[in-house]
Amino acid sequence: MNNNKTIRTVCVALAILILFIGSYIVVLMSVVFILHLSKESEQPTPYFSEDDLIRRASHLVHDIVYSDNPHRCHDCYRMNKDSFIRLCQLIEQSVEETGNLSVEVQLAIYLDWISHYPTLRKQHEMFKLSHDRILFARRNVRRAIMKNIYPQYVRFPSQVANLQGNHRMKYFQGAYGCIDGSHFPIEVRSTEKDNWRNRKGFISTNALLITDVENNLLFIYAMFGAEGCGGDSVVLRYASANDLNWLINGFLIGDAGYALSRHLLTPYRGVRYHLKEFSETAAGRPQTKEELFNLRHATLRNQIERAIGVLKKRFRILREPLVLGSKESMWETFYSCIAVHNFIRIEDRAVDWPFEVEIANEQQMETINDLNLGEVDDQESCAWRDEIAQEMWNNYRNNY
C-alpha cells in the first residue's frame, strides 16, 4: 500500500516538472519570436550613409588627380591633372546632377570605364557607389562629351594643310587627310551575328576614320555603325552619300582597299608599299617611280595607322567586345572616345609618347596585294597619279 502511494507521488511530481519545463520552453520561444519580428521591422542603419559614400568617392578621385606622382592620374584617366580639370570645366554645364555626385567623380567614373573597361561590380568596389549611380554617371558624361567636346575637337579642316615646306611630301599638296577603316569589336544578338561578322571572324563594326596630314594624329572625321561584313569602300560610299561631302578642292590619302579617284589618292598595286619593305641601304631604295610614290605615300598615310593604334592603346573599351543596351549607345561611346582622344592630343600630346613607341614596334608589314579587294581605279585619276609619281621621280634622281 505504501509502495503504491510512493509511486503515485513520484508520478505527480514528474508530471508537474514536465509541465513546468514545457511552459518555460513555450515562454522562451515566444520571446525569441517576438525579438525576431522586432528586428525585421527595424530598418538597419548602414555603416556609411549615402553622403559618406559620395564623400569617399570624391576623396578617391582627388587623391588620384592631385597625387604627388604625376603618372598616377595618367594611368587611371589617361590624362594629366590640368587636362582633367580643363575637361571638367568644359562639360560642367551639360552634366546633370545626381544627388551630391560632383562632375569630377562622374568624369572619373567615365574615363576609368573607357580606359580600363572594368565591370560594373569592379567600379562599384572602387568608387563605393551604387550600380545605378555608376550607370547614370557613364551615360551622363557620355552625353556631355558628345554635346560639348565632340563638335569643338573633331572638326573638318577649313582648308587643306600646307605641305610645301616638306620636300618629300609637297607632291601631296591638296590632301585634307588620311583615311582608313578599322574594326571595333561589339556584341549583338545571335540572330544578327552573320551580318556583323567581319572577314577576320569576329563581330565588329567597321568604322571610317580620317586624320589630318600634319602629324598631329588628330581625327577630323569618324563614322561608326557600319556592319562588320562591309568593306572599307562600301562604308566610304555610304559616308559620301551622307555627311562626307566636304571634299571639294582636295583629296584624301588611302590604301589600296579603296578605288583610285580624283578625291582619293591610292598607291600602285603590285608594287612594294609598306615602310618596312624599304631600308636605308642602296638595295632597299626605290628603283622605279612607282616604288618611290608608294614609299612616300605610305610615309604620309602611316599617320592614320598610328592614330588608330594610339586610340586603341589608350582606351581598352575599343579592344574588347562592347556590351550596351542599344547600338546607338555603342556608337555614342565610340564617338566620345574619339573626342577625348583629340582633346588629349591638343591639350597635352606628350602623354601619348609611350603609346606611340608601342605602336611603332607592333606595326605589321602588309603587302599592297593583300589590300586589293577588287576595286576598279578611275583611268583619269591614274594619269593624275602618274604625273605626281613622275615629277617625284625626276626630282629624286636629280638629288640622289
Protein backbone atom coordinates (compact mmCIF):
# COMPACT_ATOMS: atom_id res chain seq x y z
CA MET A 1 0.00 0.00 0.00
CA ASN A 2 2.78 2.39 0.89
CA ASN A 3 4.62 1.49 -2.33
CA ASN A 4 1.62 2.40 -4.45
CA LYS A 5 1.33 5.71 -2.65
CA THR A 6 5.01 6.45 -3.23
CA ILE A 7 4.76 5.63 -6.92
CA ARG A 8 1.72 7.87 -7.26
CA THR A 9 3.57 10.75 -5.58
CA VAL A 10 6.58 10.38 -7.89
CA CYS A 11 4.38 10.35 -10.98
CA VAL A 12 2.59 13.51 -9.90
CA ALA A 13 5.95 15.23 -9.25
CA LEU A 14 7.25 14.22 -12.68
CA ALA A 15 4.10 15.49 -14.34
CA ILE A 16 4.42 18.83 -12.57
CA LEU A 17 8.11 19.05 -13.57
CA ILE A 18 7.35 18.26 -17.22
CA LEU A 19 4.57 20.83 -17.26
CA PHE A 20 6.90 23.45 -15.79
CA ILE A 21 9.65 22.74 -18.30
CA GLY A 22 7.17 22.81 -21.22
CA SER A 23 5.79 26.14 -20.04
CA TYR A 24 9.33 27.53 -19.78
CA ILE A 25 10.17 26.40 -23.31
CA VAL A 26 6.97 27.93 -24.72
CA VAL A 27 7.69 31.25 -22.99
CA LEU A 28 11.30 31.23 -24.20
CA MET A 29 10.26 30.51 -27.80
CA SER A 30 7.68 33.27 -27.66
CA VAL A 31 10.30 35.76 -26.50
CA VAL A 32 12.68 34.73 -29.28
CA PHE A 33 9.92 35.01 -31.88
CA ILE A 34 8.93 38.48 -30.67
CA LEU A 35 12.55 39.67 -30.77
CA HIS A 36 12.94 38.29 -34.30
CA LEU A 37 9.85 40.14 -35.51
CA SER A 38 11.05 43.37 -33.94
CA LYS A 39 14.44 43.08 -35.67
CA GLU A 40 12.79 42.50 -39.05
CA SER A 41 10.57 45.54 -38.60
CA GLU A 42 13.54 47.81 -37.87
CA GLN A 43 15.44 49.40 -40.79
CA PRO A 44 19.14 48.54 -40.41
CA THR A 45 21.31 51.61 -40.13
CA PRO A 46 24.12 51.46 -42.73
CA TYR A 47 27.68 51.77 -41.60
CA PHE A 48 28.18 54.58 -44.15
CA SER A 49 25.42 56.94 -45.21
CA GLU A 50 24.92 57.88 -48.87
CA ASP A 51 26.64 61.21 -48.31
CA ASP A 52 29.58 59.43 -46.70
CA LEU A 53 29.96 57.16 -49.73
CA ILE A 54 29.87 60.11 -52.14
CA ARG A 55 32.41 61.93 -49.98
CA ARG A 56 34.70 58.90 -50.04
CA ALA A 57 34.44 58.72 -53.86
CA SER A 58 35.34 62.42 -54.08
CA HIS A 59 38.38 61.88 -51.87
CA LEU A 60 39.47 58.94 -54.03
CA VAL A 61 39.31 60.99 -57.23
CA HIS A 62 41.03 63.96 -55.56
CA ASP A 63 43.88 61.77 -54.30
CA ILE A 64 44.45 60.39 -57.82
CA VAL A 65 44.20 63.68 -59.71
CA TYR A 66 46.30 65.70 -57.25
CA SER A 67 48.73 62.92 -56.42
CA ASP A 68 52.42 63.78 -55.99
CA ASN A 69 53.09 61.11 -58.59
CA PRO A 70 52.24 62.80 -61.93
CA HIS A 71 51.87 59.44 -63.67
CA ARG A 72 49.05 58.26 -61.43
CA CYS A 73 46.40 60.47 -63.00
CA HIS A 74 47.54 59.46 -66.48
CA ASP A 75 47.50 55.76 -65.63
CA CYS A 76 43.96 55.97 -64.25
CA TYR A 77 42.32 58.56 -66.51
CA ARG A 78 44.72 58.80 -69.49
CA MET A 79 45.43 62.50 -68.99
CA ASN A 80 47.32 64.77 -66.62
CA LYS A 81 45.84 66.87 -63.83
CA ASP A 82 45.49 70.07 -65.84
CA SER A 83 43.72 68.28 -68.71
CA PHE A 84 41.35 66.57 -66.29
CA ILE A 85 40.42 69.88 -64.67
CA ARG A 86 40.02 71.52 -68.08
CA LEU A 87 37.72 68.74 -69.29
CA CYS A 88 35.60 69.09 -66.15
CA GLN A 89 35.16 72.78 -66.86
CA LEU A 90 34.14 72.16 -70.47
CA ILE A 91 31.40 69.63 -69.67
CA GLU A 92 30.25 71.08 -66.36
CA GLN A 93 27.26 72.93 -67.82
CA SER A 94 25.94 69.81 -69.57
CA VAL A 95 26.40 67.28 -66.78
CA GLU A 96 23.19 66.56 -64.93
CA GLU A 97 23.37 66.48 -61.15
CA THR A 98 22.59 63.29 -59.27
CA GLY A 99 22.41 63.95 -55.58
CA ASN A 100 25.73 65.34 -54.43
CA LEU A 101 27.80 63.48 -57.04
CA SER A 102 30.26 66.02 -58.43
CA VAL A 103 31.30 66.48 -62.04
CA GLU A 104 34.81 65.33 -61.14
CA VAL A 105 33.60 61.99 -59.77
CA GLN A 106 31.28 61.39 -62.72
CA LEU A 107 34.05 62.17 -65.20
CA ALA A 108 36.46 59.91 -63.31
CA ILE A 109 33.94 57.05 -63.48
CA TYR A 110 33.56 57.50 -67.24
CA LEU A 111 37.27 57.84 -68.00
CA ASP A 112 38.03 54.81 -65.86
CA TRP A 113 35.37 52.87 -67.79
CA ILE A 114 36.59 53.66 -71.31
CA SER A 115 40.28 53.46 -70.33
CA HIS A 116 40.23 50.13 -68.49
CA TYR A 117 36.76 48.72 -69.32
CA PRO A 118 36.08 47.38 -65.80
CA THR A 119 32.89 45.55 -64.96
CA LEU A 120 30.10 47.32 -63.12
CA ARG A 121 30.99 45.38 -59.99
CA LYS A 122 34.62 46.47 -60.12
CA GLN A 123 33.64 50.12 -60.40
CA HIS A 124 31.21 49.64 -57.52
CA GLU A 125 34.06 48.25 -55.41
CA MET A 126 36.39 51.08 -56.43
CA PHE A 127 34.08 54.08 -56.03
CA LYS A 128 31.78 52.55 -53.36
CA LEU A 129 28.72 53.83 -55.21
CA SER A 130 25.54 52.03 -56.21
CA HIS A 131 25.21 50.45 -59.65
CA ASP A 132 22.52 52.94 -60.61
CA ARG A 133 24.74 55.91 -59.81
CA ILE A 134 27.64 54.46 -61.81
CA LEU A 135 25.45 53.78 -64.84
CA PHE A 136 23.98 57.26 -64.55
CA ALA A 137 27.46 58.82 -64.45
CA ARG A 138 28.56 56.89 -67.55
CA ARG A 139 25.52 57.94 -69.54
CA ASN A 140 25.59 61.49 -68.20
CA VAL A 141 29.23 62.20 -69.08
CA ARG A 142 28.99 60.49 -72.46
CA ARG A 143 26.16 62.79 -73.49
CA ALA A 144 28.00 65.85 -72.17
CA ILE A 145 31.12 64.93 -74.17
CA MET A 146 29.06 64.50 -77.33
CA LYS A 147 27.41 67.86 -76.77
CA ASN A 148 30.39 69.98 -75.71
CA ILE A 149 33.63 68.23 -76.71
CA TYR A 150 32.98 66.40 -79.99
CA PRO A 151 31.80 69.45 -82.01
CA GLN A 152 34.73 71.51 -80.72
CA TYR A 153 37.57 69.00 -81.08
CA VAL A 154 36.51 66.80 -84.02
CA ARG A 155 36.05 69.12 -86.99
CA PHE A 156 36.59 69.18 -90.72
CA PRO A 157 39.57 71.35 -91.71
CA SER A 158 38.61 74.72 -93.11
CA GLN A 159 41.44 74.46 -95.64
CA VAL A 160 44.00 71.96 -96.84
CA ALA A 161 47.29 71.67 -94.98
CA ASN A 162 50.39 73.36 -96.38
CA LEU A 163 52.91 70.66 -97.30
CA GLN A 164 55.14 72.85 -99.46
CA GLY A 165 57.74 73.11 -96.73
CA ASN A 166 58.33 69.35 -96.80
CA HIS A 167 60.39 68.49 -99.87
CA ARG A 168 59.27 64.85 -99.78
CA MET A 169 55.57 65.43 -99.16
CA LYS A 170 54.99 68.60 -101.17
CA TYR A 171 53.75 66.47 -104.07
CA PHE A 172 50.69 65.63 -101.99
CA GLN A 173 49.69 69.27 -101.61
CA GLY A 174 45.91 69.41 -101.57
CA ALA A 175 45.43 66.45 -99.24
CA TYR A 176 42.86 67.01 -96.50
CA GLY A 177 43.77 63.92 -94.54
CA CYS A 178 44.45 60.17 -94.42
CA ILE A 179 41.58 57.70 -94.50
CA ASP A 180 41.28 54.12 -93.30
CA GLY A 181 38.77 51.66 -91.92
CA SER A 182 39.12 49.90 -88.60
CA HIS A 183 37.08 47.20 -86.87
CA PHE A 184 35.87 47.70 -83.29
CA PRO A 185 34.52 44.57 -81.54
CA ILE A 186 30.93 44.65 -80.26
CA GLU A 187 28.27 42.25 -79.00
CA VAL A 188 25.00 41.81 -80.93
CA ARG A 189 22.05 39.43 -80.84
CA SER A 190 22.70 35.90 -82.06
CA THR A 191 20.31 36.45 -84.98
CA GLU A 192 22.41 39.40 -86.20
CA LYS A 193 25.88 37.92 -85.90
CA ASP A 194 26.22 36.89 -89.56
CA ASN A 195 25.84 40.49 -90.73
CA TRP A 196 28.23 41.87 -88.14
CA ARG A 197 30.94 39.22 -88.54
CA ASN A 198 33.97 40.61 -90.40
CA ARG A 199 36.40 38.82 -92.70
CA LYS A 200 38.70 38.16 -89.71
CA GLY A 201 35.97 36.16 -88.00
CA PHE A 202 34.88 38.32 -85.05
CA ILE A 203 31.80 40.51 -84.52
CA SER A 204 32.53 44.18 -85.11
CA THR A 205 31.50 47.47 -86.60
CA ASN A 206 33.62 48.79 -89.47
CA ALA A 207 34.45 52.40 -88.67
CA LEU A 208 35.55 55.01 -91.20
CA LEU A 209 38.24 57.30 -89.76
CA ILE A 210 40.14 60.26 -91.21
CA THR A 211 43.12 62.04 -89.64
CA ASP A 212 44.94 65.21 -90.61
CA VAL A 213 48.21 65.13 -92.58
CA GLU A 214 50.22 67.34 -90.23
CA ASN A 215 51.40 64.51 -87.97
CA ASN A 216 49.13 65.56 -85.13
CA LEU A 217 47.31 62.19 -85.04
CA LEU A 218 44.03 64.09 -84.76
CA PHE A 219 40.80 62.66 -86.15
CA ILE A 220 38.94 65.11 -88.35
CA TYR A 221 36.11 62.73 -89.22
CA ALA A 222 34.65 59.48 -87.87
CA MET A 223 31.69 57.31 -88.76
CA PHE A 224 30.58 54.30 -86.70
CA GLY A 225 27.70 51.93 -87.23
CA ALA A 226 28.56 50.05 -90.41
CA GLU A 227 28.21 46.28 -90.27
CA GLY A 228 31.46 44.34 -89.91
CA CYS A 229 30.89 42.37 -93.10
CA GLY A 230 31.04 45.57 -95.19
CA GLY A 231 34.32 46.53 -96.83
CA ASP A 232 36.05 49.88 -96.44
CA SER A 233 34.99 51.08 -99.90
CA VAL A 234 31.34 50.24 -99.17
CA VAL A 235 31.46 52.25 -95.93
CA LEU A 236 33.09 55.14 -97.78
CA ARG A 237 30.34 55.19 -100.40
CA TYR A 238 27.73 55.30 -97.66
CA ALA A 239 29.54 58.14 -95.87
CA SER A 240 29.97 60.07 -99.12
CA ALA A 241 26.24 59.95 -99.68
CA ASN A 242 25.57 61.39 -96.23
CA ASP A 243 27.84 63.80 -94.35
CA LEU A 244 31.21 63.24 -96.02
CA ASN A 245 30.58 65.82 -98.71
CA TRP A 246 33.19 68.43 -97.88
CA LEU A 247 35.86 67.17 -100.30
CA ILE A 248 35.56 69.83 -102.97
CA ASN A 249 39.01 71.06 -103.92
CA GLY A 250 41.10 68.45 -102.14
CA PHE A 251 41.60 64.72 -101.78
CA LEU A 252 42.32 62.00 -99.22
CA ILE A 253 45.23 59.59 -98.86
CA GLY A 254 44.02 55.98 -98.72
CA ASP A 255 45.31 52.43 -99.13
CA ALA A 256 44.55 50.05 -101.99
CA GLY A 257 41.38 48.87 -100.29
CA TYR A 258 39.78 51.89 -101.96
CA ALA A 259 39.43 52.70 -105.63
CA LEU A 260 41.60 55.49 -107.03
CA SER A 261 39.59 58.61 -107.80
CA ARG A 262 40.05 62.35 -108.06
CA HIS A 263 39.21 62.72 -104.37
CA LEU A 264 41.07 59.64 -103.11
CA LEU A 265 44.73 59.04 -103.91
CA THR A 266 45.77 55.39 -103.53
CA PRO A 267 49.11 53.60 -104.14
CA TYR A 268 50.16 51.44 -107.05
CA ARG A 269 49.07 47.83 -106.69
CA GLY A 270 51.56 45.03 -107.20
CA VAL A 271 54.43 47.27 -106.02
CA ARG A 272 56.13 47.11 -102.62
CA TYR A 273 54.49 49.60 -100.38
CA HIS A 274 54.97 49.14 -96.65
CA LEU A 275 57.67 51.18 -94.94
CA LYS A 276 59.37 48.05 -93.60
CA GLU A 277 59.89 46.82 -97.15
CA PHE A 278 62.29 49.71 -97.76
CA SER A 279 65.57 50.30 -95.97
CA GLU A 280 68.37 52.79 -95.87
CA THR A 281 70.67 50.57 -97.93
CA ALA A 282 71.10 51.05 -101.66
CA ALA A 283 69.34 47.76 -102.39
CA GLY A 284 66.32 48.83 -100.40
CA ARG A 285 65.89 52.22 -102.02
CA PRO A 286 63.14 52.79 -104.59
CA GLN A 287 64.09 51.54 -108.05
CA THR A 288 61.15 52.97 -110.02
CA LYS A 289 58.81 55.92 -109.87
CA GLU A 290 56.03 53.61 -108.69
CA GLU A 291 58.12 52.40 -105.76
CA LEU A 292 59.12 55.94 -104.83
CA PHE A 293 55.50 57.08 -104.97
CA ASN A 294 54.40 54.16 -102.80
CA LEU A 295 57.17 54.81 -100.27
CA ARG A 296 56.21 58.43 -99.74
CA HIS A 297 52.52 57.66 -99.93
CA ALA A 298 52.97 55.05 -97.18
CA THR A 299 55.00 57.51 -95.10
CA LEU A 300 52.18 60.04 -95.22
CA ARG A 301 49.37 57.52 -94.78
CA ASN A 302 51.16 55.97 -91.82
CA GLN A 303 49.66 58.75 -89.71
CA ILE A 304 46.19 57.19 -89.78
CA GLU A 305 47.59 53.81 -88.72
CA ARG A 306 49.46 55.40 -85.84
CA ALA A 307 46.42 57.43 -84.78
CA ILE A 308 44.18 54.36 -84.70
CA GLY A 309 46.87 52.42 -82.85
CA VAL A 310 47.24 55.11 -80.17
CA LEU A 311 43.45 55.40 -79.88
CA LYS A 312 43.03 51.67 -79.20
CA LYS A 313 46.03 51.57 -76.87
CA ARG A 314 44.59 54.44 -74.87
CA PHE A 315 41.07 53.03 -74.45
CA ARG A 316 40.71 49.35 -73.66
CA ILE A 317 36.98 49.57 -74.32
CA LEU A 318 37.82 49.77 -78.05
CA ARG A 319 39.79 46.50 -77.99
CA GLU A 320 37.20 44.26 -76.34
CA PRO A 321 33.58 43.49 -77.31
CA LEU A 322 31.41 46.37 -76.15
CA VAL A 323 28.17 45.34 -74.47
CA LEU A 324 25.48 48.03 -74.11
CA GLY A 325 21.70 48.14 -74.25
CA SER A 326 21.47 49.65 -77.73
CA LYS A 327 23.64 50.14 -80.78
CA GLU A 328 23.13 53.90 -80.56
CA SER A 329 24.76 53.87 -77.13
CA MET A 330 27.68 51.87 -78.56
CA TRP A 331 28.25 54.35 -81.39
CA GLU A 332 27.96 57.28 -78.98
CA THR A 333 30.58 55.67 -76.74
CA PHE A 334 32.95 55.23 -79.70
CA TYR A 335 32.43 58.83 -80.81
CA SER A 336 33.12 60.06 -77.28
CA CYS A 337 36.43 58.14 -77.29
CA ILE A 338 37.40 59.96 -80.50
CA ALA A 339 36.55 63.29 -78.87
CA VAL A 340 38.54 62.57 -75.70
CA HIS A 341 41.49 61.35 -77.82
CA ASN A 342 41.58 64.63 -79.75
CA PHE A 343 41.18 66.62 -76.54
CA ILE A 344 44.23 64.90 -75.04
CA ARG A 345 46.27 65.31 -78.24
CA ILE A 346 45.58 69.05 -78.25
CA GLU A 347 45.90 69.71 -74.52
CA ASP A 348 48.94 67.52 -73.75
CA ARG A 349 50.16 65.26 -76.55
CA ALA A 350 53.34 64.37 -74.62
CA VAL A 351 51.38 61.82 -72.57
CA ASP A 352 50.99 59.70 -75.72
CA TRP A 353 54.69 59.08 -76.23
CA PRO A 354 54.65 55.59 -74.61
CA PHE A 355 51.68 54.62 -76.78
CA GLU A 356 53.40 55.83 -79.96
CA VAL A 357 56.52 53.82 -79.16
CA GLU A 358 54.42 50.68 -78.65
CA ILE A 359 52.61 51.23 -81.94
CA ALA A 360 55.87 51.71 -83.84
CA ASN A 361 57.14 48.38 -82.50
CA GLU A 362 53.92 46.48 -83.20
CA GLN A 363 53.05 47.63 -86.71
CA GLN A 364 52.84 44.65 -89.02
CA MET A 365 54.02 44.54 -92.60
CA GLU A 366 51.23 44.20 -95.15
CA THR A 367 51.92 43.92 -98.86
CA ILE A 368 49.93 46.05 -101.24
CA ASN A 369 48.45 42.98 -102.94
CA ASP A 370 46.77 41.95 -99.67
CA LEU A 371 44.62 45.06 -99.89
CA ASN A 372 43.37 44.59 -103.45
CA LEU A 373 39.69 43.91 -102.87
CA GLY A 374 38.53 44.18 -106.46
CA GLU A 375 38.13 47.96 -106.55
CA VAL A 376 38.44 49.50 -110.02
CA ASP A 377 40.58 52.62 -110.38
CA ASP A 378 39.42 55.64 -112.35
CA GLN A 379 41.50 55.95 -115.52
CA GLU A 380 41.76 59.74 -115.49
CA SER A 381 42.92 59.57 -111.91
CA CYS A 382 45.56 57.02 -112.91
CA ALA A 383 47.06 59.63 -115.24
CA TRP A 384 46.97 62.17 -112.41
CA ARG A 385 48.82 59.76 -110.12
CA ASP A 386 51.39 59.02 -112.86
CA GLU A 387 52.11 62.74 -113.20
CA ILE A 388 52.75 63.04 -109.46
CA ALA A 389 54.97 59.94 -109.48
CA GLN A 390 56.96 61.13 -112.49
CA GLU A 391 57.62 64.57 -111.03
CA MET A 392 58.62 62.95 -107.76
CA TRP A 393 60.95 60.53 -109.56
CA ASN A 394 62.65 63.23 -111.64
CA ASN A 395 63.48 65.31 -108.59
CA TYR A 396 64.62 62.21 -106.71
CA ARG A 397 67.05 61.19 -109.44
CA ASN A 398 68.46 64.71 -109.72
CA ASN A 399 69.09 64.98 -105.98
CA TYR A 400 70.37 61.48 -105.32
